[in-house]
C-alpha atoms as a PDB file:
ATOM      1  CA  MET A   1      93.550 178.946  52.212  1.00  0.00           C
ATOM      2  CA  ALA A   2      94.664 177.654  55.283  1.00  0.00           C
ATOM      3  CA  ARG A   3      94.126 173.846  56.240  1.00  0.00           C
ATOM      4  CA  GLY A   4      93.510 172.591  59.434  1.00  0.00           C
ATOM      5  CA  ILE A   5      95.355 169.867  60.482  1.00  0.00           C
ATOM      6  CA  GLY A   6      93.794 166.928  61.963  1.00  0.00           C
ATOM      7  CA  ILE A   7      95.496 165.397  65.344  1.00  0.00           C
ATOM      8  CA  GLU A   8      93.278 161.903  65.405  1.00  0.00           C
ATOM      9  CA  GLN A   9      95.290 160.476  68.136  1.00  0.00           C
ATOM     10  CA  HIS A  10      96.819 163.191  70.410  1.00  0.00           C
ATOM     11  CA  ILE A  11      98.425 165.844  70.700  1.00  0.00           C
ATOM     12  CA  GLY A  12     102.160 165.008  70.096  1.00  0.00           C
ATOM     13  CA  VAL A  13     101.750 163.386  66.347  1.00  0.00           C
ATOM     14  CA  ILE A  14     101.935 166.361  64.306  1.00  0.00           C
ATOM     15  CA  LYS A  15     105.289 165.590  62.438  1.00  0.00           C
ATOM     16  CA  PRO A  16     107.367 168.757  61.511  1.00  0.00           C
ATOM     17  CA  ASP A  17     107.789 167.816  58.327  1.00  0.00           C
ATOM     18  CA  GLU A  18     103.601 167.647  57.355  1.00  0.00           C
ATOM     19  CA  LEU A  19     103.428 171.623  58.534  1.00  0.00           C
ATOM     20  CA  GLN A  20     102.780 173.807  55.734  1.00  0.00           C
ATOM     21  CA  PRO A  21     102.204 177.564  56.215  1.00  0.00           C
ATOM     22  CA  GLY A  22      98.853 178.834  56.854  1.00  0.00           C
ATOM     23  CA  ASP A  23      98.172 175.491  58.731  1.00  0.00           C
ATOM     24  CA  HIS A  24      96.289 175.904  62.251  1.00  0.00           C
ATOM     25  CA  ILE A  25      97.171 173.841  65.164  1.00  0.00           C
ATOM     26  CA  GLY A  26      94.498 174.365  68.255  1.00  0.00           C
ATOM     27  CA  VAL A  27      94.563 172.962  71.579  1.00  0.00           C
ATOM     28  CA  LYS A  28      91.731 172.993  74.228  1.00  0.00           C
ATOM     29  CA  VAL A  29      92.369 172.805  77.741  1.00  0.00           C
ATOM     30  CA  VAL A  30      89.343 171.419  79.858  1.00  0.00           C
ATOM     31  CA  ALA A  31      89.041 171.558  83.918  1.00  0.00           C
ATOM     32  CA  VAL A  32      86.822 168.952  85.329  1.00  0.00           C
ATOM     33  CA  ILE A  33      85.265 168.906  88.698  1.00  0.00           C
ATOM     34  CA  GLY A  34      85.978 165.611  90.668  1.00  0.00           C
ATOM     35  CA  PHE A  35      83.549 164.204  93.353  1.00  0.00           C
ATOM     36  CA  ASN A  36      86.331 164.243  95.917  1.00  0.00           C
ATOM     37  CA  LYS A  37      86.719 167.690  96.297  1.00  0.00           C
ATOM     38  CA  ASP A  38      89.007 167.433  93.768  1.00  0.00           C
ATOM     39  CA  TRP A  39      89.883 168.605  90.156  1.00  0.00           C
ATOM     40  CA  ALA A  40      92.046 167.711  87.423  1.00  0.00           C
ATOM     41  CA  ALA A  41      92.868 169.707  83.755  1.00  0.00           C
ATOM     42  CA  TYR A  42      93.644 167.960  80.293  1.00  0.00           C
ATOM     43  CA  MET A  43      94.716 168.832  77.151  1.00  0.00           C
ATOM     44  CA  GLY A  44      93.584 168.016  73.579  1.00  0.00           C
ATOM     45  CA  PRO A  45      93.073 168.912  69.810  1.00  0.00           C
ATOM     46  CA  SER A  46      90.633 171.923  70.018  1.00  0.00           C
ATOM     47  CA  PHE A  47      88.032 170.158  67.428  1.00  0.00           C
ATOM     48  CA  TRP A  48      87.265 167.367  70.472  1.00  0.00           C
ATOM     49  CA  THR A  49      84.366 168.206  72.581  1.00  0.00           C
ATOM     50  CA  ASP A  50      84.994 169.091  76.074  1.00  0.00           C
ATOM     51  CA  ASP A  51      83.722 166.101  77.259  1.00  0.00           C
ATOM     52  CA  VAL A  52      86.307 163.990  74.810  1.00  0.00           C
ATOM     53  CA  VAL A  53      88.597 166.033  76.196  1.00  0.00           C
ATOM     54  CA  SER A  54      87.974 165.255  79.641  1.00  0.00           C
ATOM     55  CA  ARG A  55      87.886 161.461  79.066  1.00  0.00           C
ATOM     56  CA  ARG A  56      90.558 160.838  76.029  1.00  0.00           C
ATOM     57  CA  GLY A  57      92.555 164.067  76.975  1.00  0.00           C
ATOM     58  CA  ASP A  58      96.749 164.549  78.565  1.00  0.00           C
ATOM     59  CA  LYS A  59      96.721 165.273  81.893  1.00  0.00           C
ATOM     60  CA  ILE A  60      98.455 168.699  82.365  1.00  0.00           C
ATOM     61  CA  SER A  61     100.540 169.599  85.465  1.00  0.00           C
ATOM     62  CA  GLU A  62      98.882 171.100  87.936  1.00  0.00           C
ATOM     63  CA  GLU A  63     101.081 174.073  88.482  1.00  0.00           C
ATOM     64  CA  ALA A  64      99.867 174.882  84.516  1.00  0.00           C
ATOM     65  CA  ALA A  65      96.650 173.732  85.391  1.00  0.00           C
ATOM     66  CA  GLU A  66      96.296 176.439  88.539  1.00  0.00           C
ATOM     67  CA  ARG A  67      97.789 179.326  85.827  1.00  0.00           C
ATOM     68  CA  MET A  68      94.794 179.047  83.383  1.00  0.00           C
ATOM     69  CA  PHE A  69      92.092 177.756  86.606  1.00  0.00           C
ATOM     70  CA  ASP A  70      91.423 180.746  89.285  1.00  0.00           C
ATOM     71  CA  ALA A  71      87.931 178.974  90.711  1.00  0.00           C
ATOM     72  CA  PRO A  72      88.717 175.213  91.718  1.00  0.00           C
ATOM     73  CA  VAL A  73      92.255 176.473  93.761  1.00  0.00           C
ATOM     74  CA  GLU A  74      90.073 179.470  95.010  1.00  0.00           C
ATOM     75  CA  ALA A  75      87.339 176.943  95.953  1.00  0.00           C
ATOM     76  CA  GLY A  76      90.460 175.050  98.098  1.00  0.00           C
ATOM     77  CA  LEU A  77      89.857 171.565  95.414  1.00  0.00           C
ATOM     78  CA  SER A  78      92.864 169.429  95.536  1.00  0.00           C
ATOM     79  CA  TYR A  79      94.427 168.937  92.103  1.00  0.00           C
ATOM     80  CA  ARG A  80      93.821 164.938  91.347  1.00  0.00           C
ATOM     81  CA  ARG A  81      97.048 162.952  91.325  1.00  0.00           C
END
């Protein structure tokens, strides 16, 4: 039976020697629309809620975010710096 790897801090804490056949590593990306006609996208472990990813996740690059989320770009929102 496969076991999930708990990523308690951030995505980068998985050590190569901890990986076992059948392990699962999941990531979630969440887009957050701001209040100043802006937006940003954050990445975190898949077991975190969307809210936790938006608060504690790692912000991804504008280029990567725009490839994943069309609506904020089409709405003319600026990517938060």
